[in-house]
Amino acid sequence: MVKVLILVCALSLPRAECKPETARAVVQGPEAANATTCMFRGQAYLAGSAIRVGRNEWVKVLCQRTEIGGNVG
């Protein structure tokens, strides 16, 4: 599974520096099965939420794996 995090970062913050620790706001979205559905779910969650993004802010959807695959052998 993949955890969906929606980060709201300052426009002045470089893309690579937008992390949960540096974001102005961090919202946990619904879990997803893989990275592709994570991006779609993150965008859809943001669109349907009350999260407001100001003129000097931008949004980054971050996908973090929450589990490692099963044992082989």
Protein backbone atom coordinates (compact mmCIF):
# COMPACT_ATOMS: atom_id res chain seq x y z
CA MET A 1 0.00 0.00 0.00
CA VAL A 2 0.97 3.62 -0.51
CA LYS A 3 0.26 6.53 1.83
CA VAL A 4 -0.93 9.73 0.13
CA LEU A 5 0.39 13.00 1.56
CA ILE A 6 -0.68 16.36 0.18
CA LEU A 7 1.87 19.09 0.89
CA VAL A 8 1.16 22.80 0.59
CA CYS A 9 4.46 24.62 0.19
CA ALA A 10 5.54 28.23 -0.21
CA LEU A 11 6.05 29.29 -3.82
CA SER A 12 9.54 30.47 -2.87
CA LEU A 13 10.50 26.95 -1.71
CA PRO A 14 12.37 24.93 -4.36
CA ARG A 15 10.55 21.79 -5.54
CA ALA A 16 13.16 19.43 -4.07
CA GLU A 17 12.88 21.14 -0.67
CA CYS A 18 9.10 20.67 -0.36
CA LYS A 19 8.90 17.93 2.29
CA PRO A 20 6.55 17.22 5.20
CA GLU A 21 9.03 18.99 7.48
CA THR A 22 9.11 22.19 5.38
CA ALA A 23 5.52 22.35 4.10
CA ARG A 24 3.08 24.98 5.38
CA ALA A 25 0.42 22.27 5.62
CA VAL A 26 0.43 18.48 5.39
CA VAL A 27 -2.79 16.54 4.80
CA GLN A 28 -2.96 12.75 4.76
CA GLY A 29 -5.16 11.49 1.96
CA PRO A 30 -6.65 8.03 1.41
CA GLU A 31 -4.35 5.02 0.96
CA ALA A 32 -3.68 3.80 -2.55
CA ALA A 33 -2.62 0.48 -4.07
CA ASN A 34 0.30 1.89 -6.08
CA ALA A 35 2.05 5.12 -7.12
CA THR A 36 -0.24 5.76 -10.08
CA THR A 37 -3.44 5.57 -8.05
CA CYS A 38 -1.71 7.58 -5.32
CA MET A 39 -1.33 10.54 -7.67
CA PHE A 40 -4.92 10.30 -8.89
CA ARG A 41 -6.33 9.91 -5.39
CA GLY A 42 -4.22 12.77 -4.07
CA GLN A 43 -5.44 15.15 -6.77
CA ALA A 44 -9.06 14.03 -6.39
CA TYR A 45 -8.89 14.34 -2.60
CA LEU A 46 -7.50 17.86 -2.89
CA ALA A 47 -10.17 18.88 -5.40
CA GLY A 48 -12.98 17.64 -3.14
CA SER A 49 -11.60 19.08 0.08
CA ALA A 50 -11.75 22.44 1.79
CA ILE A 51 -7.98 22.89 1.49
CA ARG A 52 -7.22 26.36 0.15
CA VAL A 53 -4.04 27.09 -1.73
CA GLY A 54 -2.97 30.73 -1.72
CA ARG A 55 -1.37 32.74 -4.51
CA ASN A 56 2.06 32.23 -2.97
CA GLU A 57 1.67 28.48 -2.44
CA TRP A 58 1.75 25.33 -4.51
CA VAL A 59 0.77 21.69 -3.94
CA LYS A 60 2.82 18.53 -4.08
CA VAL A 61 1.37 15.01 -3.84
CA LEU A 62 3.82 12.71 -2.08
CA CYS A 63 3.46 8.93 -2.25
CA GLN A 64 5.14 6.86 0.47
CA ARG A 65 5.20 3.06 0.50
CA THR A 66 3.79 1.74 3.78
CA GLU A 67 4.67 -1.93 3.48
CA ILE A 68 7.27 -4.17 1.91
CA GLY A 69 6.25 -7.04 -0.35
CA GLY A 70 5.75 -10.55 1.03
CA ASN A 71 8.44 -13.13 1.55
CA VAL A 72 9.79 -15.00 -1.45
CA GLY A 73 10.69 -18.66 -1.27
